[in-house]
Amino acid sequence: MVDYLHGKGFLYEHYTDSGVNFCNRDKPASYGYEHQDATLFASWGADGLKLDACGSSPDHWKDILTKWDTEFETAAAKYGRKIWLNK
């Protein structure tokens, strides 16, 4: 799908939540899986990541952003990509 979008001139931005669950609490989110998720999204060819935080504790938001910045930068470099983080 991402190759198709790129072939049409579009960029692909993936969505995830930095907390334990997504906003509506019905599915597990990326907390504790930042490395695996960042690597997966980069391997898909994502151009960006929309990172939500409604499943996160406000006390840990700065730490979470730092961790995601590091993980996504590392994953993007592994796949030779430049990926933006939309917070």
PDB file of N, CA and C in Angstrom:
ATOM      1  N   MET A   1       0.817  -1.185   0.000  1.00  0.00           N
ATOM      2  CA  MET A   1       0.000   0.000   0.000  1.00  0.00           C
ATOM      3  C   MET A   1       0.869   1.259   0.000  1.00  0.00           C
ATOM      4  N   VAL A   2       1.919   1.262   0.834  1.00  0.00           N
ATOM      5  CA  VAL A   2       2.768   2.453   0.915  1.00  0.00           C
ATOM      6  C   VAL A   2       3.485   2.693  -0.416  1.00  0.00           C
ATOM      7  N   ASP A   3       3.934   1.631  -1.063  1.00  0.00           N
ATOM      8  CA  ASP A   3       4.562   1.793  -2.379  1.00  0.00           C
ATOM      9  C   ASP A   3       3.587   2.398  -3.378  1.00  0.00           C
ATOM     10  N   TYR A   4       2.339   1.967  -3.326  1.00  0.00           N
ATOM     11  CA  TYR A   4       1.312   2.519  -4.201  1.00  0.00           C
ATOM     12  C   TYR A   4       1.124   4.015  -3.926  1.00  0.00           C
ATOM     13  N   LEU A   5       1.005   4.381  -2.640  1.00  0.00           N
ATOM     14  CA  LEU A   5       0.851   5.795  -2.285  1.00  0.00           C
ATOM     15  C   LEU A   5       2.036   6.624  -2.749  1.00  0.00           C
ATOM     16  N   HIS A   6       3.255   6.121  -2.495  1.00  0.00           N
ATOM     17  CA  HIS A   6       4.454   6.834  -2.930  1.00  0.00           C
ATOM     18  C   HIS A   6       4.481   6.970  -4.447  1.00  0.00           C
ATOM     19  N   GLY A   7       4.060   5.923  -5.162  1.00  0.00           N
ATOM     20  CA  GLY A   7       4.008   5.955  -6.628  1.00  0.00           C
ATOM     21  C   GLY A   7       3.057   7.004  -7.161  1.00  0.00           C
ATOM     22  N   LYS A   8       2.046   7.339  -6.382  1.00  0.00           N
ATOM     23  CA  LYS A   8       1.071   8.380  -6.765  1.00  0.00           C
ATOM     24  C   LYS A   8       1.483   9.761  -6.260  1.00  0.00           C
ATOM     25  N   GLY A   9       2.661   9.842  -5.597  1.00  0.00           N
ATOM     26  CA  GLY A   9       3.153  11.130  -5.113  1.00  0.00           C
ATOM     27  C   GLY A   9       2.694  11.504  -3.711  1.00  0.00           C
ATOM     28  N   PHE A  10       2.045  10.577  -3.011  1.00  0.00           N
ATOM     29  CA  PHE A  10       1.585  10.843  -1.656  1.00  0.00           C
ATOM     30  C   PHE A  10       2.623  10.389  -0.639  1.00  0.00           C
ATOM     31  N   LEU A  11       2.531  10.952   0.555  1.00  0.00           N
ATOM     32  CA  LEU A  11       3.341  10.515   1.685  1.00  0.00           C
ATOM     33  C   LEU A  11       2.446   9.716   2.623  1.00  0.00           C
ATOM     34  N   TYR A  12       3.052   8.839   3.392  1.00  0.00           N
ATOM     35  CA  TYR A  12       2.295   8.016   4.335  1.00  0.00           C
ATOM     36  C   TYR A  12       2.723   8.352   5.758  1.00  0.00           C
ATOM     37  N   GLU A  13       1.743   8.763   6.570  1.00  0.00           N
ATOM     38  CA  GLU A  13       1.980   9.036   7.987  1.00  0.00           C
ATOM     39  C   GLU A  13       1.173   8.024   8.794  1.00  0.00           C
ATOM     40  N   HIS A  14       1.855   7.299   9.667  1.00  0.00           N
ATOM     41  CA  HIS A  14       1.194   6.288  10.490  1.00  0.00           C
ATOM     42  C   HIS A  14       0.757   6.911  11.813  1.00  0.00           C
ATOM     43  N   TYR A  15      -0.249   6.324  12.439  1.00  0.00           N
ATOM     44  CA  TYR A  15      -0.775   6.808  13.711  1.00  0.00           C
ATOM     45  C   TYR A  15      -0.539   5.762  14.796  1.00  0.00           C
ATOM     46  N   THR A  16      -0.115   6.224  15.964  1.00  0.00           N
ATOM     47  CA  THR A  16      -0.070   5.365  17.141  1.00  0.00           C
ATOM     48  C   THR A  16      -0.238   6.225  18.387  1.00  0.00           C
ATOM     49  N   ASP A  17      -0.377   5.572  19.503  1.00  0.00           N
ATOM     50  CA  ASP A  17      -0.477   6.259  20.786  1.00  0.00           C
ATOM     51  C   ASP A  17       0.714   5.846  21.628  1.00  0.00           C
ATOM     52  N   SER A  18       1.235   6.769  22.386  1.00  0.00           N
ATOM     53  CA  SER A  18       2.424   6.502  23.197  1.00  0.00           C
ATOM     54  C   SER A  18       2.097   5.827  24.528  1.00  0.00           C
ATOM     55  N   GLY A  19       0.830   5.633  24.799  1.00  0.00           N
ATOM     56  CA  GLY A  19       0.429   5.052  26.076  1.00  0.00           C
ATOM     57  C   GLY A  19       0.281   3.545  26.047  1.00  0.00           C
ATOM     58  N   VAL A  20      -0.273   3.028  27.117  1.00  0.00           N
ATOM     59  CA  VAL A  20      -0.522   1.585  27.240  1.00  0.00           C
ATOM     60  C   VAL A  20      -1.672   1.182  26.321  1.00  0.00           C
ATOM     61  N   ASN A  21      -2.693   2.031  26.203  1.00  0.00           N
ATOM     62  CA  ASN A  21      -3.848   1.787  25.338  1.00  0.00           C
ATOM     63  C   ASN A  21      -4.097   2.995  24.456  1.00  0.00           C
ATOM     64  N   PHE A  22      -4.842   2.777  23.375  1.00  0.00           N
ATOM     65  CA  PHE A  22      -5.270   3.896  22.540  1.00  0.00           C
ATOM     66  C   PHE A  22      -6.321   4.705  23.280  1.00  0.00           C
ATOM     67  N   CYS A  23      -6.697   5.840  22.712  1.00  0.00           N
ATOM     68  CA  CYS A  23      -7.580   6.790  23.394  1.00  0.00           C
ATOM     69  C   CYS A  23      -8.888   6.185  23.876  1.00  0.00           C
ATOM     70  N   ASN A  24      -9.488   5.315  23.076  1.00  0.00           N
ATOM     71  CA  ASN A  24     -10.770   4.733  23.489  1.00  0.00           C
ATOM     72  C   ASN A  24     -10.587   3.485  24.353  1.00  0.00           C
ATOM     73  N   ARG A  25      -9.338   3.176  24.694  1.00  0.00           N
ATOM     74  CA  ARG A  25      -8.965   2.101  25.610  1.00  0.00           C
ATOM     75  C   ARG A  25      -9.315   0.691  25.107  1.00  0.00           C
ATOM     76  N   ASP A  26      -9.591   0.550  23.795  1.00  0.00           N
ATOM     77  CA  ASP A  26     -10.001  -0.767  23.310  1.00  0.00           C
ATOM     78  C   ASP A  26      -8.856  -1.617  22.755  1.00  0.00           C
ATOM     79  N   LYS A  27      -7.684  -1.010  22.521  1.00  0.00           N
ATOM     80  CA  LYS A  27      -6.566  -1.765  21.959  1.00  0.00           C
ATOM     81  C   LYS A  27      -5.270  -1.355  22.658  1.00  0.00           C
ATOM     82  N   PRO A  28      -4.328  -2.279  22.774  1.00  0.00           N
ATOM     83  CA  PRO A  28      -3.021  -1.910  23.334  1.00  0.00           C
ATOM     84  C   PRO A  28      -2.272  -0.988  22.385  1.00  0.00           C
ATOM     85  N   ALA A  29      -1.491  -0.095  22.953  1.00  0.00           N
ATOM     86  CA  ALA A  29      -0.735   0.880  22.154  1.00  0.00           C
ATOM     87  C   ALA A  29       0.763   0.608  22.265  1.00  0.00           C
ATOM     88  N   SER A  30       1.583   1.622  22.045  1.00  0.00           N
ATOM     89  CA  SER A  30       3.021   1.446  21.852  1.00  0.00           C
ATOM     90  C   SER A  30       3.883   1.510  23.101  1.00  0.00           C
ATOM     91  N   TYR A  31       3.315   1.821  24.251  1.00  0.00           N
ATOM     92  CA  TYR A  31       4.138   1.947  25.447  1.00  0.00           C
ATOM     93  C   TYR A  31       4.864   0.629  25.739  1.00  0.00           C
ATOM     94  N   GLY A  32       6.184   0.716  25.843  1.00  0.00           N
ATOM     95  CA  GLY A  32       7.007  -0.464  26.072  1.00  0.00           C
ATOM     96  C   GLY A  32       7.417  -1.173  24.792  1.00  0.00           C
ATOM     97  N   TYR A  33       6.853  -0.755  23.674  1.00  0.00           N
ATOM     98  CA  TYR A  33       7.153  -1.359  22.367  1.00  0.00           C
ATOM     99  C   TYR A  33       7.663  -0.310  21.375  1.00  0.00           C
ATOM    100  N   GLU A  34       8.209   0.778  21.903  1.00  0.00           N
ATOM    101  CA  GLU A  34       8.632   1.886  21.045  1.00  0.00           C
ATOM    102  C   GLU A  34       9.639   1.432  19.984  1.00  0.00           C
ATOM    103  N   HIS A  35      10.630   0.660  20.397  1.00  0.00           N
ATOM    104  CA  HIS A  35      11.659   0.221  19.449  1.00  0.00           C
ATOM    105  C   HIS A  35      11.051  -0.657  18.351  1.00  0.00           C
ATOM    106  N   GLN A  36      10.268  -1.652  18.753  1.00  0.00           N
ATOM    107  CA  GLN A  36       9.656  -2.552  17.780  1.00  0.00           C
ATOM    108  C   GLN A  36       8.715  -1.801  16.844  1.00  0.00           C
ATOM    109  N   ASP A  37       7.892  -0.917  17.389  1.00  0.00           N
ATOM    110  CA  ASP A  37       6.941  -0.180  16.565  1.00  0.00           C
ATOM    111  C   ASP A  37       7.643   0.789  15.616  1.00  0.00           C
ATOM    112  N   ALA A  38       8.629   1.518  16.119  1.00  0.00           N
ATOM    113  CA  ALA A  38       9.364   2.450  15.256  1.00  0.00           C
ATOM    114  C   ALA A  38      10.038   1.712  14.111  1.00  0.00           C
ATOM    115  N   THR A  39      10.635   0.564  14.411  1.00  0.00           N
ATOM    116  CA  THR A  39      11.286  -0.229  13.369  1.00  0.00           C
ATOM    117  C   THR A  39      10.265  -0.748  12.361  1.00  0.00           C
ATOM    118  N   LEU A  40       9.123  -1.218  12.842  1.00  0.00           N
ATOM    119  CA  LEU A  40       8.074  -1.713  11.952  1.00  0.00           C
ATOM    120  C   LEU A  40       7.560  -0.612  11.036  1.00  0.00           C
ATOM    121  N   PHE A  41       7.238   0.558  11.594  1.00  0.00           N
ATOM    122  CA  PHE A  41       6.700   1.650  10.786  1.00  0.00           C
ATOM    123  C   PHE A  41       7.717   2.111   9.744  1.00  0.00           C
ATOM    124  N   ALA A  42       8.983   2.175  10.136  1.00  0.00           N
ATOM    125  CA  ALA A  42      10.034   2.565   9.179  1.00  0.00           C
ATOM    126  C   ALA A  42      10.174   1.510   8.083  1.00  0.00           C
ATOM    127  N   SER A  43      10.065   0.235   8.453  1.00  0.00           N
ATOM    128  CA  SER A  43      10.188  -0.831   7.448  1.00  0.00           C
ATOM    129  C   SER A  43       9.032  -0.793   6.450  1.00  0.00           C
ATOM    130  N   TRP A  44       7.894  -0.289   6.863  1.00  0.00           N
ATOM    131  CA  TRP A  44       6.747  -0.151   5.964  1.00  0.00           C
ATOM    132  C   TRP A  44       6.945   0.991   4.979  1.00  0.00           C
ATOM    133  N   GLY A  45       7.911   1.879   5.256  1.00  0.00           N
ATOM    134  CA  GLY A  45       8.138   3.028   4.389  1.00  0.00           C
ATOM    135  C   GLY A  45       7.417   4.277   4.844  1.00  0.00           C
ATOM    136  N   ALA A  46       7.035   4.318   6.127  1.00  0.00           N
ATOM    137  CA  ALA A  46       6.339   5.494   6.642  1.00  0.00           C
ATOM    138  C   ALA A  46       7.206   6.741   6.479  1.00  0.00           C
ATOM    139  N   ASP A  47       6.550   7.826   6.111  1.00  0.00           N
ATOM    140  CA  ASP A  47       7.233   9.118   5.978  1.00  0.00           C
ATOM    141  C   ASP A  47       7.102   9.933   7.252  1.00  0.00           C
ATOM    142  N   GLY A  48       6.115   9.586   8.071  1.00  0.00           N
ATOM    143  CA  GLY A  48       5.894  10.308   9.310  1.00  0.00           C
ATOM    144  C   GLY A  48       5.120   9.461  10.289  1.00  0.00           C
ATOM    145  N   LEU A  49       5.066   9.952  11.509  1.00  0.00           N
ATOM    146  CA  LEU A  49       4.327   9.273  12.561  1.00  0.00           C
ATOM    147  C   LEU A  49       3.538  10.305  13.342  1.00  0.00           C
ATOM    148  N   LYS A  50       2.237  10.102  13.437  1.00  0.00           N
ATOM    149  CA  LYS A  50       1.395  10.922  14.298  1.00  0.00           C
ATOM    150  C   LYS A  50       1.352  10.219  15.638  1.00  0.00           C
ATOM    151  N   LEU A  51       1.932  10.843  16.630  1.00  0.00           N
ATOM    152  CA  LEU A  51       2.029  10.255  17.963  1.00  0.00           C
ATOM    153  C   LEU A  51       1.036  10.927  18.895  1.00  0.00           C
ATOM    154  N   ASP A  52       0.024  10.194  19.296  1.00  0.00           N
ATOM    155  CA  ASP A  52      -0.973  10.681  20.231  1.00  0.00           C
ATOM    156  C   ASP A  52      -0.512  10.353  21.642  1.00  0.00           C
ATOM    157  N   ALA A  53      -1.113  10.985  22.624  1.00  0.00           N
ATOM    158  CA  ALA A  53      -0.679  10.750  24.000  1.00  0.00           C
ATOM    159  C   ALA A  53      -1.834  10.591  24.963  1.00  0.00           C
ATOM    160  N   CYS A  54      -3.030  10.351  24.461  1.00  0.00           N
ATOM    161  CA  CYS A  54      -4.163  10.270  25.394  1.00  0.00           C
ATOM    162  C   CYS A  54      -4.100   9.021  26.264  1.00  0.00           C
ATOM    163  N   GLY A  55      -3.309   8.026  25.866  1.00  0.00           N
ATOM    164  CA  GLY A  55      -3.140   6.854  26.701  1.00  0.00           C
ATOM    165  C   GLY A  55      -1.922   6.944  27.603  1.00  0.00           C
ATOM    166  N   SER A  56      -1.303   8.123  27.646  1.00  0.00           N
ATOM    167  CA  SER A  56      -0.076   8.327  28.425  1.00  0.00           C
ATOM    168  C   SER A  56      -0.335   9.174  29.657  1.00  0.00           C
ATOM    169  N   SER A  57       0.547   9.037  30.610  1.00  0.00           N
ATOM    170  CA  SER A  57       0.495   9.869  31.802  1.00  0.00           C
ATOM    171  C   SER A  57       1.157  11.215  31.496  1.00  0.00           C
ATOM    172  N   PRO A  58       0.506  12.331  31.819  1.00  0.00           N
ATOM    173  CA  PRO A  58       1.115  13.639  31.567  1.00  0.00           C
ATOM    174  C   PRO A  58       2.468  13.816  32.262  1.00  0.00           C
ATOM    175  N   ASP A  59       2.672  13.110  33.364  1.00  0.00           N
ATOM    176  CA  ASP A  59       3.933  13.219  34.101  1.00  0.00           C
ATOM    177  C   ASP A  59       5.111  12.668  33.310  1.00  0.00           C
ATOM    178  N   HIS A  60       4.846  11.780  32.372  1.00  0.00           N
ATOM    179  CA  HIS A  60       5.914  11.117  31.630  1.00  0.00           C
ATOM    180  C   HIS A  60       6.001  11.550  30.169  1.00  0.00           C
ATOM    181  N   TRP A  61       5.230  12.551  29.762  1.00  0.00           N
ATOM    182  CA  TRP A  61       5.152  12.954  28.362  1.00  0.00           C
ATOM    183  C   TRP A  61       6.514  13.346  27.794  1.00  0.00           C
ATOM    184  N   LYS A  62       7.299  14.123  28.517  1.00  0.00           N
ATOM    185  CA  LYS A  62       8.612  14.554  28.003  1.00  0.00           C
ATOM    186  C   LYS A  62       9.539  13.354  27.794  1.00  0.00           C
ATOM    187  N   ASP A  63       9.546  12.430  28.741  1.00  0.00           N
ATOM    188  CA  ASP A  63      10.369  11.221  28.601  1.00  0.00           C
ATOM    189  C   ASP A  63       9.917  10.374  27.415  1.00  0.00           C
ATOM    190  N   ILE A  64       8.609  10.277  27.233  1.00  0.00           N
ATOM    191  CA  ILE A  64       8.056   9.494  26.126  1.00  0.00           C
ATOM    192  C   ILE A  64       8.477  10.106  24.789  1.00  0.00           C
ATOM    193  N   LEU A  65       8.377  11.427  24.674  1.00  0.00           N
ATOM    194  CA  LEU A  65       8.776  12.090  23.425  1.00  0.00           C
ATOM    195  C   LEU A  65      10.258  11.886  23.128  1.00  0.00           C
ATOM    196  N   THR A  66      11.086  11.993  24.143  1.00  0.00           N
ATOM    197  CA  THR A  66      12.519  11.784  23.958  1.00  0.00           C
ATOM    198  C   THR A  66      12.792  10.364  23.479  1.00  0.00           C
ATOM    199  N   LYS A  67      12.122   9.402  24.094  1.00  0.00           N
ATOM    200  CA  LYS A  67      12.301   8.001  23.704  1.00  0.00           C
ATOM    201  C   LYS A  67      11.855   7.777  22.260  1.00  0.00           C
ATOM    202  N   TRP A  68      10.690   8.316  21.882  1.00  0.00           N
ATOM    203  CA  TRP A  68      10.206   8.152  20.514  1.00  0.00           C
ATOM    204  C   TRP A  68      11.126   8.840  19.515  1.00  0.00           C
ATOM    205  N   ASP A  69      11.598  10.032  19.830  1.00  0.00           N
ATOM    206  CA  ASP A  69      12.529  10.720  18.929  1.00  0.00           C
ATOM    207  C   ASP A  69      13.750   9.849  18.665  1.00  0.00           C
ATOM    208  N   THR A  70      14.319   9.284  19.714  1.00  0.00           N
ATOM    209  CA  THR A  70      15.508   8.440  19.593  1.00  0.00           C
ATOM    210  C   THR A  70      15.211   7.175  18.803  1.00  0.00           C
ATOM    211  N   GLU A  71      14.139   6.483  19.153  1.00  0.00           N
ATOM    212  CA  GLU A  71      13.794   5.224  18.481  1.00  0.00           C
ATOM    213  C   GLU A  71      13.460   5.441  17.011  1.00  0.00           C
ATOM    214  N   PHE A  72      12.710   6.504  16.719  1.00  0.00           N
ATOM    215  CA  PHE A  72      12.320   6.735  15.332  1.00  0.00           C
ATOM    216  C   PHE A  72      13.510   7.188  14.488  1.00  0.00           C
ATOM    217  N   GLU A  73      14.378   7.992  15.061  1.00  0.00           N
ATOM    218  CA  GLU A  73      15.581   8.420  14.339  1.00  0.00           C
ATOM    219  C   GLU A  73      16.457   7.208  14.014  1.00  0.00           C
ATOM    220  N   THR A  74      16.623   6.316  14.965  1.00  0.00           N
ATOM    221  CA  THR A  74      17.423   5.106  14.768  1.00  0.00           C
ATOM    222  C   THR A  74      16.795   4.205  13.705  1.00  0.00           C
ATOM    223  N   ALA A  75      15.477   3.998  13.802  1.00  0.00           N
ATOM    224  CA  ALA A  75      14.772   3.141  12.843  1.00  0.00           C
ATOM    225  C   ALA A  75      14.824   3.740  11.438  1.00  0.00           C
ATOM    226  N   ALA A  76      14.627   5.039  11.344  1.00  0.00           N
ATOM    227  CA  ALA A  76      14.658   5.696  10.031  1.00  0.00           C
ATOM    228  C   ALA A  76      16.031   5.544   9.392  1.00  0.00           C
ATOM    229  N   ALA A  77      17.083   5.743  10.167  1.00  0.00           N
ATOM    230  CA  ALA A  77      18.442   5.617   9.644  1.00  0.00           C
ATOM    231  C   ALA A  77      18.711   4.193   9.160  1.00  0.00           C
ATOM    232  N   LYS A  78      18.201   3.216   9.882  1.00  0.00           N
ATOM    233  CA  LYS A  78      18.384   1.812   9.507  1.00  0.00           C
ATOM    234  C   LYS A  78      17.817   1.535   8.112  1.00  0.00           C
ATOM    235  N   TYR A  79      16.719   2.200   7.775  1.00  0.00           N
ATOM    236  CA  TYR A  79      16.075   2.000   6.481  1.00  0.00           C
ATOM    237  C   TYR A  79      16.386   3.120   5.487  1.00  0.00           C
ATOM    238  N   GLY A  80      17.339   3.972   5.841  1.00  0.00           N
ATOM    239  CA  GLY A  80      17.734   5.052   4.936  1.00  0.00           C
ATOM    240  C   GLY A  80      16.630   6.059   4.686  1.00  0.00           C
ATOM    241  N   ARG A  81      15.833   6.311   5.690  1.00  0.00           N
ATOM    242  CA  ARG A  81      14.686   7.203   5.537  1.00  0.00           C
ATOM    243  C   ARG A  81      14.796   8.390   6.487  1.00  0.00           C
ATOM    244  N   LYS A  82      14.117   9.445   6.132  1.00  0.00           N
ATOM    245  CA  LYS A  82      13.932  10.598   6.997  1.00  0.00           C
ATOM    246  C   LYS A  82      12.453  10.620   7.350  1.00  0.00           C
ATOM    247  N   ILE A  83      12.142  10.428   8.638  1.00  0.00           N
ATOM    248  CA  ILE A  83      10.756  10.336   9.072  1.00  0.00           C
ATOM    249  C   ILE A  83      10.459  11.435  10.084  1.00  0.00           C
ATOM    250  N   TRP A  84       9.361  12.153   9.878  1.00  0.00           N
ATOM    251  CA  TRP A  84       9.003  13.193  10.841  1.00  0.00           C
ATOM    252  C   TRP A  84       8.107  12.617  11.929  1.00  0.00           C
ATOM    253  N   LEU A  85       8.170  13.240  13.077  1.00  0.00           N
ATOM    254  CA  LEU A  85       7.346  12.862  14.218  1.00  0.00           C
ATOM    255  C   LEU A  85       6.388  13.995  14.493  1.00  0.00           C
ATOM    256  N   ASN A  86       5.106  13.762  14.278  1.00  0.00           N
ATOM    257  CA  ASN A  86       4.054  14.755  14.468  1.00  0.00           C
ATOM    258  C   ASN A  86       3.461  14.539  15.848  1.00  0.00           C
ATOM    259  N   LYS A  87       3.795  15.443  16.800  1.00  0.00           N
ATOM    260  CA  LYS A  87       3.378  15.264  18.199  1.00  0.00           C
ATOM    261  C   LYS A  87       2.192  16.138  18.525  1.00  0.00           C
TER     262      LYS A  87
END
